[in-house]
Amino acid sequence: MVLLAVALVGIASSLWGQQDDTPRMTDAQCLAVSHAVDSGNLWAIKRGPLEQCGARGANAVAAVFRKSVVNPPVGLMDAIVAYAQRARDAEVLTLARATARNASASMIARVTSLYVLATYYERDGFFLQSLEELARGPVDCRTISTGSPVRRPKTIRPLPSDANSAMASTIDSIVRDASAPAQLRKMAKCIRFAMYRTVPSNMPPNALVLRYDCGNQFTVTNTLDEPVIGKWVTVTLQDTVLNWEFGMNRRGTDTLVMPRRGVVQILENGKVIAAAENTGKVCPPINMRRDTTRK
């Protein structure tokens, strides 16, 4: 084991400071590092130059992750996230999606999988940042932003063209899983919040109910038992189109005041999900109206 550690240090030292994507490791060196990973050497995953070993290195990481999802050794999951930040691989992505949804996996393994998905999310060359606090205590989703990395991760096996949508689908399934741990769902919601502009999500059927009140006023109700955050929908009034950022508490309500009469529709991704018609009902005096402000 001492000789193996010395060999790994020597390999890493010879590659330290390289900033391009040109493979520099020999097959023998990659084999040594892969064996170290198989033997549970966390340093080889976290700091060893596995990304220079292509699919062999990625397979080694995936294998140790796969066999440790129920009872991972201390430090393994941090090492896997560190690898994901340096290298993007389709097999690791597939494993992370499956583990994130796996109710039999340990909490730390599922959290790690969400970290990997967040790390792999990309929008026009920008990646999610400020993820450090996601799994610790209360999380302000607004701290999850996109930015350009200091060094672009190396691509091992290219992610599928619909990778962002696939990751969003996995995260949505966790957000809507009432049996999932609360902190896991909270983490998933924050990651999904940062992805909404790029990958819109489909709300469940009848999630929104639109009701005409009087005058030009409508009430929108969130029928779900969970908050909906950062959701962009389109509101149409005949030939007028309005973009509306929908964010409500569980079973919450919001008020829409339209500029004139007509049929109002709420569309998500081009599909009508709620509609109501302004029939011209006169509103009662202000002191007689019920409170229709957001709850």
Protein backbone atom coordinates (compact mmCIF):
# COMPACT_ATOMS: atom_id res chain seq x y z
CA MET A 1 0.00 0.00 0.00
CA VAL A 2 2.91 2.36 0.79
CA LEU A 3 4.49 1.63 -2.58
CA LEU A 4 1.16 2.26 -4.30
CA ALA A 5 0.77 5.61 -2.54
CA VAL A 6 4.30 6.61 -3.55
CA ALA A 7 3.54 5.63 -7.14
CA LEU A 8 0.38 7.72 -7.14
CA VAL A 9 2.19 10.73 -5.77
CA GLY A 10 4.78 10.33 -8.48
CA ILE A 11 2.13 10.14 -11.18
CA ALA A 12 0.30 13.19 -9.87
CA SER A 13 3.52 15.15 -9.51
CA SER A 14 4.48 14.49 -13.11
CA LEU A 15 1.12 15.83 -14.25
CA TRP A 16 0.71 18.66 -11.76
CA GLY A 17 0.14 22.02 -13.40
CA GLN A 18 -0.95 20.72 -16.78
CA GLN A 19 -3.77 22.89 -18.09
CA ASP A 20 -4.69 21.31 -21.41
CA ASP A 21 -6.74 18.24 -22.25
CA THR A 22 -3.94 16.25 -23.86
CA PRO A 23 -3.63 12.76 -22.29
CA ARG A 24 -0.22 12.49 -20.64
CA MET A 25 -0.60 9.28 -18.63
CA THR A 26 0.62 5.98 -19.93
CA ASP A 27 -1.56 2.88 -19.90
CA ALA A 28 0.49 1.51 -17.03
CA GLN A 29 -0.03 4.67 -14.98
CA CYS A 30 -3.76 4.65 -15.64
CA LEU A 31 -3.94 1.01 -14.68
CA ALA A 32 -2.17 1.77 -11.39
CA VAL A 33 -4.54 4.64 -10.57
CA SER A 34 -7.60 2.57 -11.51
CA HIS A 35 -6.44 -0.26 -9.23
CA ALA A 36 -5.99 2.30 -6.46
CA VAL A 37 -9.57 3.45 -6.92
CA ASP A 38 -10.82 -0.14 -6.88
CA SER A 39 -8.95 -0.62 -3.62
CA GLY A 40 -10.74 2.34 -2.05
CA ASN A 41 -7.99 4.92 -2.34
CA LEU A 42 -9.99 8.16 -2.03
CA TRP A 43 -7.01 10.37 -2.80
CA ALA A 44 -6.76 8.73 -6.21
CA ILE A 45 -10.35 9.84 -6.93
CA LYS A 46 -10.26 13.28 -5.36
CA ARG A 47 -6.83 14.44 -6.44
CA GLY A 48 -5.47 11.77 -8.75
CA PRO A 49 -5.55 12.70 -12.46
CA LEU A 50 -8.19 10.13 -13.37
CA GLU A 51 -9.67 12.40 -16.05
CA GLN A 52 -6.49 11.78 -18.06
CA CYS A 53 -7.37 8.08 -18.14
CA GLY A 54 -10.53 8.45 -20.19
CA ALA A 55 -13.21 5.78 -19.90
CA ARG A 56 -10.98 3.54 -17.76
CA GLY A 57 -10.80 6.16 -15.03
CA ALA A 58 -14.51 7.00 -15.28
CA ASN A 59 -15.43 3.30 -15.08
CA ALA A 60 -13.32 2.92 -11.95
CA VAL A 61 -15.10 5.85 -10.30
CA ALA A 62 -18.52 4.55 -11.35
CA ALA A 63 -17.75 1.07 -10.05
CA VAL A 64 -16.69 2.22 -6.58
CA PHE A 65 -19.68 4.57 -6.42
CA ARG A 66 -22.10 1.84 -7.47
CA LYS A 67 -20.97 -0.63 -4.81
CA SER A 68 -21.00 2.02 -2.05
CA VAL A 69 -24.45 3.62 -2.43
CA VAL A 70 -25.86 1.92 0.68
CA ASN A 71 -22.93 2.31 3.06
CA PRO A 72 -20.27 4.60 1.56
CA PRO A 73 -16.95 5.01 3.36
CA VAL A 74 -16.25 8.41 4.89
CA GLY A 75 -14.91 10.82 2.30
CA LEU A 76 -15.87 8.82 -0.78
CA MET A 77 -18.74 11.06 -1.81
CA ASP A 78 -16.67 14.25 -1.54
CA ALA A 79 -14.10 12.56 -3.76
CA ILE A 80 -16.71 11.64 -6.36
CA VAL A 81 -18.02 15.22 -6.50
CA ALA A 82 -14.44 16.47 -6.92
CA TYR A 83 -14.00 14.07 -9.86
CA ALA A 84 -17.29 15.20 -11.42
CA GLN A 85 -16.10 18.79 -11.29
CA ARG A 86 -13.05 17.83 -13.35
CA ALA A 87 -14.57 15.31 -15.75
CA ARG A 88 -17.97 14.85 -17.40
CA ASP A 89 -18.91 11.29 -18.31
CA ALA A 90 -22.16 9.77 -19.62
CA GLU A 91 -21.84 6.62 -17.49
CA VAL A 92 -21.32 8.64 -14.29
CA LEU A 93 -24.35 10.73 -15.24
CA THR A 94 -26.52 7.64 -15.69
CA LEU A 95 -25.40 6.28 -12.33
CA ALA A 96 -26.00 9.60 -10.57
CA ARG A 97 -29.55 9.82 -11.96
CA ALA A 98 -30.36 6.29 -10.82
CA THR A 99 -28.84 6.77 -7.36
CA ALA A 100 -30.60 10.07 -6.77
CA ARG A 101 -33.97 8.30 -7.23
CA ASN A 102 -32.97 5.15 -5.34
CA ALA A 103 -34.90 5.08 -2.05
CA SER A 104 -32.63 2.27 -0.81
CA ALA A 105 -29.48 4.33 -1.25
CA SER A 106 -28.01 6.20 1.71
CA MET A 107 -28.87 9.85 2.17
CA ILE A 108 -25.26 10.90 1.53
CA ALA A 109 -25.17 8.88 -1.71
CA ARG A 110 -28.37 10.54 -2.93
CA VAL A 111 -27.11 13.99 -1.96
CA THR A 112 -23.87 13.26 -3.79
CA SER A 113 -25.84 12.27 -6.88
CA LEU A 114 -27.67 15.60 -6.82
CA TYR A 115 -24.31 17.36 -6.53
CA VAL A 116 -23.11 15.49 -9.61
CA LEU A 117 -26.25 16.43 -11.55
CA ALA A 118 -25.85 20.06 -10.52
CA THR A 119 -22.19 19.95 -11.56
CA TYR A 120 -23.10 18.47 -14.94
CA TYR A 121 -25.82 21.02 -15.70
CA GLU A 122 -24.65 23.45 -18.37
CA ARG A 123 -26.23 26.50 -19.97
CA ASP A 124 -24.33 28.07 -22.86
CA GLY A 125 -20.97 27.20 -21.34
CA PHE A 126 -21.94 28.24 -17.82
CA PHE A 127 -22.32 25.91 -14.85
CA LEU A 128 -24.11 26.04 -11.52
CA GLN A 129 -22.05 27.56 -8.75
CA SER A 130 -22.34 28.29 -5.00
CA LEU A 131 -23.48 24.75 -4.24
CA GLU A 132 -21.45 24.32 -1.06
CA GLU A 133 -24.35 25.05 1.31
CA LEU A 134 -26.97 22.99 -0.50
CA ALA A 135 -26.91 20.05 1.88
CA ARG A 136 -26.44 22.04 5.08
CA GLY A 137 -29.29 23.61 7.01
CA PRO A 138 -31.61 26.25 5.51
CA VAL A 139 -30.80 27.03 1.90
CA ASP A 140 -31.55 30.26 0.06
CA CYS A 141 -32.16 29.12 -3.49
CA ARG A 142 -31.17 32.53 -4.82
CA THR A 143 -27.53 31.78 -3.96
CA ILE A 144 -27.48 29.08 -6.64
CA SER A 145 -26.18 30.87 -9.72
CA THR A 146 -24.46 30.12 -13.00
CA GLY A 147 -20.93 31.10 -13.85
CA SER A 148 -17.94 30.20 -15.98
CA PRO A 149 -15.52 27.70 -14.39
CA VAL A 150 -11.83 28.47 -13.99
CA ARG A 151 -11.12 25.43 -16.11
CA ARG A 152 -13.69 23.69 -18.26
CA PRO A 153 -14.24 20.06 -17.20
CA LYS A 154 -12.79 17.41 -19.49
CA THR A 155 -15.34 15.38 -21.45
CA ILE A 156 -14.77 11.63 -21.20
CA ARG A 157 -17.83 10.05 -22.84
CA PRO A 158 -20.01 12.89 -24.16
CA LEU A 159 -23.26 13.54 -22.34
CA PRO A 160 -26.39 13.01 -24.45
CA SER A 161 -27.83 16.04 -26.20
CA ASP A 162 -30.83 15.99 -23.85
CA ALA A 163 -28.70 15.72 -20.70
CA ASN A 164 -30.12 18.88 -19.12
CA SER A 165 -33.69 17.71 -19.69
CA ALA A 166 -32.88 14.23 -18.37
CA MET A 167 -31.31 15.66 -15.23
CA ALA A 168 -34.26 17.99 -14.73
CA SER A 169 -36.65 15.05 -15.03
CA THR A 170 -34.75 13.18 -12.31
CA ILE A 171 -34.75 16.22 -10.03
CA ASP A 172 -38.48 16.82 -10.65
CA SER A 173 -39.25 13.25 -9.57
CA ILE A 174 -37.49 13.87 -6.25
CA VAL A 175 -39.19 17.23 -5.70
CA ARG A 176 -42.59 15.55 -6.13
CA ASP A 177 -41.76 12.48 -4.05
CA ALA A 178 -43.44 13.09 -0.69
CA SER A 179 -41.63 10.07 0.77
CA ALA A 180 -38.16 11.45 0.00
CA PRO A 181 -36.18 13.01 2.89
CA ALA A 182 -37.09 16.65 3.40
CA GLN A 183 -33.52 17.93 3.02
CA LEU A 184 -33.06 15.97 -0.20
CA ARG A 185 -36.25 17.49 -1.64
CA LYS A 186 -35.15 20.96 -0.55
CA MET A 187 -31.80 20.52 -2.23
CA ALA A 188 -33.52 19.24 -5.39
CA LYS A 189 -35.89 22.23 -5.42
CA CYS A 190 -33.00 24.69 -5.25
CA ILE A 191 -31.13 23.01 -8.09
CA ARG A 192 -34.31 22.88 -10.13
CA PHE A 193 -34.94 26.56 -9.42
CA ALA A 194 -31.64 27.40 -11.08
CA MET A 195 -32.55 25.28 -14.12
CA TYR A 196 -36.07 26.61 -14.77
CA ARG A 197 -35.17 29.20 -17.40
CA THR A 198 -33.35 26.61 -19.51
CA VAL A 199 -35.43 23.51 -18.82
CA PRO A 200 -39.06 24.37 -18.03
CA SER A 201 -40.88 21.77 -16.00
CA ASN A 202 -44.39 20.52 -16.56
CA MET A 203 -46.59 21.07 -13.56
CA PRO A 204 -48.97 18.25 -12.64
CA PRO A 205 -52.46 18.38 -14.21
CA ASN A 206 -54.78 20.89 -12.53
CA ALA A 207 -51.93 22.34 -10.47
CA LEU A 208 -53.28 25.82 -11.22
CA VAL A 209 -56.91 26.86 -10.99
CA LEU A 210 -57.92 30.18 -12.52
CA ARG A 211 -61.15 31.80 -11.33
CA TYR A 212 -62.78 35.02 -12.49
CA ASP A 213 -63.77 37.29 -9.60
CA CYS A 214 -65.12 40.59 -10.88
CA GLY A 215 -64.07 43.62 -12.89
CA ASN A 216 -60.78 42.64 -14.49
CA GLN A 217 -59.62 40.61 -11.52
CA PHE A 218 -58.85 36.87 -11.46
CA THR A 219 -57.62 34.58 -8.69
CA VAL A 220 -55.03 31.88 -9.34
CA THR A 221 -54.73 29.01 -6.85
CA ASN A 222 -51.88 26.56 -6.40
CA THR A 223 -53.64 23.28 -5.61
CA LEU A 224 -50.44 21.43 -4.73
CA ASP A 225 -49.37 20.53 -1.20
CA GLU A 226 -45.95 22.00 -1.90
CA PRO A 227 -44.69 25.42 -2.93
CA VAL A 228 -44.04 26.18 -6.57
CA ILE A 229 -41.01 28.39 -7.10
CA GLY A 230 -39.45 30.22 -10.01
CA LYS A 231 -42.02 28.97 -12.53
CA TRP A 232 -42.48 30.99 -15.70
CA VAL A 233 -45.83 30.77 -17.45
CA THR A 234 -47.49 32.80 -20.18
CA VAL A 235 -50.74 34.67 -19.59
CA THR A 236 -52.74 35.64 -22.65
CA LEU A 237 -55.64 38.04 -22.99
CA GLN A 238 -56.82 37.67 -26.57
CA ASP A 239 -53.93 39.19 -28.54
CA THR A 240 -51.99 40.35 -25.48
CA VAL A 241 -49.22 38.12 -24.11
CA LEU A 242 -47.77 38.57 -20.64
CA ASN A 243 -44.94 36.64 -19.01
CA TRP A 244 -45.59 35.93 -15.36
CA GLU A 245 -43.22 34.47 -12.78
CA PHE A 246 -45.34 32.10 -10.77
CA GLY A 247 -44.29 31.48 -7.20
CA MET A 248 -46.73 30.44 -4.50
CA ASN A 249 -46.85 28.78 -1.16
CA ARG A 250 -48.57 25.42 -0.83
CA ARG A 251 -52.28 25.88 -1.47
CA GLY A 252 -51.50 29.57 -1.95
CA THR A 253 -53.36 32.10 -4.07
CA ASP A 254 -52.37 35.05 -6.21
CA THR A 255 -54.31 37.81 -7.95
CA LEU A 256 -54.20 38.74 -11.63
CA VAL A 257 -55.56 42.12 -12.65
CA MET A 258 -55.90 42.31 -16.41
CA PRO A 259 -55.95 45.54 -18.44
CA ARG A 260 -59.34 44.84 -20.05
CA ARG A 261 -62.08 42.27 -20.56
CA GLY A 262 -61.60 39.01 -22.43
CA VAL A 263 -60.76 35.35 -22.00
CA VAL A 264 -57.61 34.81 -19.91
CA GLN A 265 -55.47 31.73 -20.43
CA ILE A 266 -52.40 30.48 -18.58
CA LEU A 267 -50.04 28.47 -20.75
CA GLU A 268 -47.03 26.39 -19.82
CA ASN A 269 -44.66 25.48 -22.64
CA GLY A 270 -47.37 26.47 -25.12
CA LYS A 271 -50.07 24.32 -23.52
CA VAL A 272 -53.16 25.83 -21.90
CA ILE A 273 -53.27 24.70 -18.26
CA ALA A 274 -55.97 27.06 -16.94
CA ALA A 275 -58.51 29.46 -18.42
CA ALA A 276 -61.38 31.71 -17.35
CA GLU A 277 -63.54 34.37 -19.00
CA ASN A 278 -64.15 37.91 -17.83
CA THR A 279 -67.96 38.13 -17.89
CA GLY A 280 -68.11 41.78 -16.85
CA LYS A 281 -69.32 41.22 -13.29
CA VAL A 282 -69.31 44.45 -11.31
CA CYS A 283 -67.16 44.33 -8.20
CA PRO A 284 -68.83 45.15 -4.88
CA PRO A 285 -67.72 48.21 -2.92
CA ILE A 286 -64.16 47.86 -1.66
CA ASN A 287 -65.17 47.45 1.99
CA MET A 288 -67.41 44.50 1.08
CA ARG A 289 -64.88 42.48 -0.88
CA ARG A 290 -63.20 39.42 0.49
CA ASP A 291 -59.45 39.50 0.80
CA THR A 292 -57.98 38.11 -2.45
CA THR A 293 -54.36 39.01 -1.78
CA ARG A 294 -51.68 36.36 -1.81
CA LYS A 295 -51.73 34.08 1.21
